Amino acid sequence: MGSSNNIVSQLCVACLGAGVITTVAVAQGQNPLTALGITVFSAVAAVMVGQVL
């Protein structure tokens, strides 16, 4: 259970970091759905890389 909890916390931190950039992008006029998709992709990619390293 500890490993699963660790992945969830990593995903939350990655989403928060990507969410800041997403907020800026939406404020600049980007489509919110596109920005959300980029946020989710980058958060999942960050967690995957973190698991490999």
PDB file of N, CA and C in Angstrom:
ATOM      1  N   MET A   1       0.825  -1.196   0.000  1.00  0.00           N
ATOM      2  CA  MET A   1       0.000   0.000   0.000  1.00  0.00           C
ATOM      3  C   MET A   1       0.865   1.254   0.000  1.00  0.00           C
ATOM      4  N   GLY A   2       2.062   1.178   0.582  1.00  0.00           N
ATOM      5  CA  GLY A   2       2.927   2.349   0.654  1.00  0.00           C
ATOM      6  C   GLY A   2       3.347   2.839  -0.711  1.00  0.00           C
ATOM      7  N   SER A   3       3.632   1.908  -1.634  1.00  0.00           N
ATOM      8  CA  SER A   3       4.052   2.300  -2.980  1.00  0.00           C
ATOM      9  C   SER A   3       2.927   3.001  -3.723  1.00  0.00           C
ATOM     10  N   SER A   4       1.716   2.504  -3.567  1.00  0.00           N
ATOM     11  CA  SER A   4       0.557   3.116  -4.216  1.00  0.00           C
ATOM     12  C   SER A   4       0.319   4.518  -3.672  1.00  0.00           C
ATOM     13  N   ASN A   5       0.468   4.664  -2.371  1.00  0.00           N
ATOM     14  CA  ASN A   5       0.285   5.973  -1.745  1.00  0.00           C
ATOM     15  C   ASN A   5       1.350   6.948  -2.229  1.00  0.00           C
ATOM     16  N   ASN A   6       2.582   6.455  -2.425  1.00  0.00           N
ATOM     17  CA  ASN A   6       3.675   7.285  -2.915  1.00  0.00           C
ATOM     18  C   ASN A   6       3.391   7.777  -4.338  1.00  0.00           C
ATOM     19  N   ILE A   7       2.864   6.900  -5.188  1.00  0.00           N
ATOM     20  CA  ILE A   7       2.544   7.274  -6.564  1.00  0.00           C
ATOM     21  C   ILE A   7       1.451   8.343  -6.583  1.00  0.00           C
ATOM     22  N   VAL A   8       0.453   8.191  -5.720  1.00  0.00           N
ATOM     23  CA  VAL A   8      -0.632   9.175  -5.662  1.00  0.00           C
ATOM     24  C   VAL A   8      -0.096  10.530  -5.231  1.00  0.00           C
ATOM     25  N   SER A   9       0.783  10.551  -4.240  1.00  0.00           N
ATOM     26  CA  SER A   9       1.335  11.838  -3.795  1.00  0.00           C
ATOM     27  C   SER A   9       2.220  12.458  -4.875  1.00  0.00           C
ATOM     28  N   GLN A  10       2.983  11.627  -5.594  1.00  0.00           N
ATOM     29  CA  GLN A  10       3.789  12.149  -6.702  1.00  0.00           C
ATOM     30  C   GLN A  10       2.901  12.738  -7.793  1.00  0.00           C
ATOM     31  N   LEU A  11       1.796  12.058  -8.085  1.00  0.00           N
ATOM     32  CA  LEU A  11       0.870  12.544  -9.107  1.00  0.00           C
ATOM     33  C   LEU A  11       0.247  13.875  -8.690  1.00  0.00           C
ATOM     34  N   CYS A  12      -0.092  14.004  -7.418  1.00  0.00           N
ATOM     35  CA  CYS A  12      -0.665  15.263  -6.922  1.00  0.00           C
ATOM     36  C   CYS A  12       0.324  16.408  -7.057  1.00  0.00           C
ATOM     37  N   VAL A  13       1.574  16.177  -6.685  1.00  0.00           N
ATOM     38  CA  VAL A  13       2.594  17.222  -6.793  1.00  0.00           C
ATOM     39  C   VAL A  13       2.836  17.591  -8.252  1.00  0.00           C
ATOM     40  N   ALA A  14       2.890  16.581  -9.124  1.00  0.00           N
ATOM     41  CA  ALA A  14       3.113  16.846 -10.545  1.00  0.00           C
ATOM     42  C   ALA A  14       1.947  17.619 -11.146  1.00  0.00           C
ATOM     43  N   CYS A  15       0.725  17.292 -10.745  1.00  0.00           N
ATOM     44  CA  CYS A  15      -0.452  18.022 -11.246  1.00  0.00           C
ATOM     45  C   CYS A  15      -0.448  19.467 -10.773  1.00  0.00           C
ATOM     46  N   LEU A  16      -0.039  19.684  -9.534  1.00  0.00           N
ATOM     47  CA  LEU A  16       0.020  21.062  -9.033  1.00  0.00           C
ATOM     48  C   LEU A  16       1.033  21.888  -9.825  1.00  0.00           C
ATOM     49  N   GLY A  17       2.196  21.304 -10.069  1.00  0.00           N
ATOM     50  CA  GLY A  17       3.216  22.021 -10.834  1.00  0.00           C
ATOM     51  C   GLY A  17       2.774  22.299 -12.258  1.00  0.00           C
ATOM     52  N   ALA A  18       2.188  21.301 -12.896  1.00  0.00           N
ATOM     53  CA  ALA A  18       1.716  21.491 -14.266  1.00  0.00           C
ATOM     54  C   ALA A  18       0.504  22.409 -14.303  1.00  0.00           C
ATOM     55  N   GLY A  19      -0.291  22.394 -13.242  1.00  0.00           N
ATOM     56  CA  GLY A  19      -1.480  23.244 -13.186  1.00  0.00           C
ATOM     57  C   GLY A  19      -1.156  24.724 -13.185  1.00  0.00           C
ATOM     58  N   VAL A  20      -0.029  25.088 -12.608  1.00  0.00           N
ATOM     59  CA  VAL A  20       0.387  26.492 -12.605  1.00  0.00           C
ATOM     60  C   VAL A  20       0.617  26.966 -14.036  1.00  0.00           C
ATOM     61  N   ILE A  21       1.331  26.162 -14.807  1.00  0.00           N
ATOM     62  CA  ILE A  21       1.599  26.509 -16.202  1.00  0.00           C
ATOM     63  C   ILE A  21       0.303  26.497 -17.005  1.00  0.00           C
ATOM     64  N   THR A  22      -0.581  25.554 -16.707  1.00  0.00           N
ATOM     65  CA  THR A  22      -1.870  25.470 -17.397  1.00  0.00           C
ATOM     66  C   THR A  22      -2.687  26.733 -17.162  1.00  0.00           C
ATOM     67  N   THR A  23      -2.676  27.221 -15.940  1.00  0.00           N
ATOM     68  CA  THR A  23      -3.414  28.444 -15.606  1.00  0.00           C
ATOM     69  C   THR A  23      -2.899  29.624 -16.419  1.00  0.00           C
ATOM     70  N   VAL A  24      -1.592  29.720 -16.546  1.00  0.00           N
ATOM     71  CA  VAL A  24      -0.999  30.799 -17.347  1.00  0.00           C
ATOM     72  C   VAL A  24      -1.400  30.658 -18.810  1.00  0.00           C
ATOM     73  N   ALA A  25      -1.368  29.422 -19.321  1.00  0.00           N
ATOM     74  CA  ALA A  25      -1.720  29.185 -20.724  1.00  0.00           C
ATOM     75  C   ALA A  25      -3.175  29.546 -21.003  1.00  0.00           C
ATOM     76  N   VAL A  26      -4.075  29.185 -20.101  1.00  0.00           N
ATOM     77  CA  VAL A  26      -5.490  29.515 -20.285  1.00  0.00           C
ATOM     78  C   VAL A  26      -5.684  31.025 -20.216  1.00  0.00           C
ATOM     79  N   ALA A  27      -4.959  31.683 -19.317  1.00  0.00           N
ATOM     80  CA  ALA A  27      -5.050  33.141 -19.220  1.00  0.00           C
ATOM     81  C   ALA A  27      -4.562  33.811 -20.501  1.00  0.00           C
ATOM     82  N   GLN A  28      -3.653  33.153 -21.217  1.00  0.00           N
ATOM     83  CA  GLN A  28      -3.138  33.693 -22.478  1.00  0.00           C
ATOM     84  C   GLN A  28      -4.065  33.388 -23.652  1.00  0.00           C
ATOM     85  N   GLY A  29      -5.120  32.591 -23.413  1.00  0.00           N
ATOM     86  CA  GLY A  29      -6.099  32.337 -24.462  1.00  0.00           C
ATOM     87  C   GLY A  29      -6.142  30.925 -25.001  1.00  0.00           C
ATOM     88  N   GLN A  30      -5.406  30.003 -24.392  1.00  0.00           N
ATOM     89  CA  GLN A  30      -5.429  28.613 -24.873  1.00  0.00           C
ATOM     90  C   GLN A  30      -6.744  27.951 -24.488  1.00  0.00           C
ATOM     91  N   ASN A  31      -7.165  26.990 -25.300  1.00  0.00           N
ATOM     92  CA  ASN A  31      -8.370  26.215 -25.019  1.00  0.00           C
ATOM     93  C   ASN A  31      -8.182  25.467 -23.694  1.00  0.00           C
ATOM     94  N   PRO A  32      -9.126  25.621 -22.738  1.00  0.00           N
ATOM     95  CA  PRO A  32      -8.966  24.958 -21.442  1.00  0.00           C
ATOM     96  C   PRO A  32      -8.880  23.427 -21.525  1.00  0.00           C
ATOM     97  N   LEU A  33      -9.606  22.810 -22.463  1.00  0.00           N
ATOM     98  CA  LEU A  33      -9.525  21.351 -22.588  1.00  0.00           C
ATOM     99  C   LEU A  33      -8.157  20.907 -23.082  1.00  0.00           C
ATOM    100  N   THR A  34      -7.591  21.655 -24.011  1.00  0.00           N
ATOM    101  CA  THR A  34      -6.237  21.347 -24.483  1.00  0.00           C
ATOM    102  C   THR A  34      -5.240  21.500 -23.344  1.00  0.00           C
ATOM    103  N   ALA A  35      -5.383  22.562 -22.591  1.00  0.00           N
ATOM    104  CA  ALA A  35      -4.480  22.800 -21.464  1.00  0.00           C
ATOM    105  C   ALA A  35      -4.609  21.702 -20.415  1.00  0.00           C
ATOM    106  N   LEU A  36      -5.834  21.260 -20.154  1.00  0.00           N
ATOM    107  CA  LEU A  36      -6.045  20.186 -19.185  1.00  0.00           C
ATOM    108  C   LEU A  36      -5.419  18.880 -19.671  1.00  0.00           C
ATOM    109  N   GLY A  37      -5.553  18.594 -20.954  1.00  0.00           N
ATOM    110  CA  GLY A  37      -4.940  17.394 -21.518  1.00  0.00           C
ATOM    111  C   GLY A  37      -3.433  17.418 -21.389  1.00  0.00           C
ATOM    112  N   ILE A  38      -2.838  18.567 -21.642  1.00  0.00           N
ATOM    113  CA  ILE A  38      -1.387  18.709 -21.509  1.00  0.00           C
ATOM    114  C   ILE A  38      -0.970  18.528 -20.052  1.00  0.00           C
ATOM    115  N   THR A  39      -1.767  19.071 -19.132  1.00  0.00           N
ATOM    116  CA  THR A  39      -1.468  18.946 -17.709  1.00  0.00           C
ATOM    117  C   THR A  39      -1.470  17.488 -17.264  1.00  0.00           C
ATOM    118  N   VAL A  40      -2.509  16.759 -17.665  1.00  0.00           N
ATOM    119  CA  VAL A  40      -2.618  15.351 -17.267  1.00  0.00           C
ATOM    120  C   VAL A  40      -1.477  14.542 -17.875  1.00  0.00           C
ATOM    121  N   PHE A  41      -1.197  14.779 -19.154  1.00  0.00           N
ATOM    122  CA  PHE A  41      -0.112  14.049 -19.813  1.00  0.00           C
ATOM    123  C   PHE A  41       1.227  14.319 -19.132  1.00  0.00           C
ATOM    124  N   SER A  42       1.510  15.590 -18.852  1.00  0.00           N
ATOM    125  CA  SER A  42       2.806  15.918 -18.258  1.00  0.00           C
ATOM    126  C   SER A  42       2.925  15.376 -16.830  1.00  0.00           C
ATOM    127  N   ALA A  43       1.823  15.373 -16.088  1.00  0.00           N
ATOM    128  CA  ALA A  43       1.861  14.832 -14.729  1.00  0.00           C
ATOM    129  C   ALA A  43       2.115  13.328 -14.746  1.00  0.00           C
ATOM    130  N   VAL A  44       1.417  12.616 -15.631  1.00  0.00           N
ATOM    131  CA  VAL A  44       1.622  11.165 -15.730  1.00  0.00           C
ATOM    132  C   VAL A  44       3.033  10.863 -16.211  1.00  0.00           C
ATOM    133  N   ALA A  45       3.528  11.618 -17.166  1.00  0.00           N
ATOM    134  CA  ALA A  45       4.886  11.405 -17.664  1.00  0.00           C
ATOM    135  C   ALA A  45       5.912  11.659 -16.561  1.00  0.00           C
ATOM    136  N   ALA A  46       5.700  12.684 -15.748  1.00  0.00           N
ATOM    137  CA  ALA A  46       6.626  12.983 -14.654  1.00  0.00           C
ATOM    138  C   ALA A  46       6.662  11.853 -13.631  1.00  0.00           C
ATOM    139  N   VAL A  47       5.513  11.302 -13.309  1.00  0.00           N
ATOM    140  CA  VAL A  47       5.461  10.197 -12.348  1.00  0.00           C
ATOM    141  C   VAL A  47       6.129   8.952 -12.940  1.00  0.00           C
ATOM    142  N   MET A  48       5.886   8.684 -14.216  1.00  0.00           N
ATOM    143  CA  MET A  48       6.505   7.522 -14.858  1.00  0.00           C
ATOM    144  C   MET A  48       8.030   7.646 -14.853  1.00  0.00           C
ATOM    145  N   VAL A  49       8.541   8.821 -15.188  1.00  0.00           N
ATOM    146  CA  VAL A  49       9.985   9.031 -15.181  1.00  0.00           C
ATOM    147  C   VAL A  49      10.521   8.909 -13.761  1.00  0.00           C
ATOM    148  N   GLY A  50       9.773   9.446 -12.794  1.00  0.00           N
ATOM    149  CA  GLY A  50      10.191   9.334 -11.400  1.00  0.00           C
ATOM    150  C   GLY A  50      10.257   7.898 -10.916  1.00  0.00           C
ATOM    151  N   GLN A  51       9.369   7.054 -11.400  1.00  0.00           N
ATOM    152  CA  GLN A  51       9.377   5.646 -11.019  1.00  0.00           C
ATOM    153  C   GLN A  51      10.569   4.906 -11.632  1.00  0.00           C
ATOM    154  N   VAL A  52      10.938   5.278 -12.856  1.00  0.00           N
ATOM    155  CA  VAL A  52      12.063   4.625 -13.525  1.00  0.00           C
ATOM    156  C   VAL A  52      13.387   5.033 -12.871  1.00  0.00           C
ATOM    157  N   LEU A  53      13.502   6.307 -12.532  1.00  0.00           N
ATOM    158  CA  LEU A  53      14.739   6.786 -11.904  1.00  0.00           C
ATOM    159  C   LEU A  53      14.721   6.407 -10.451  1.00  0.00           C
TER     160      LEU A  53
END
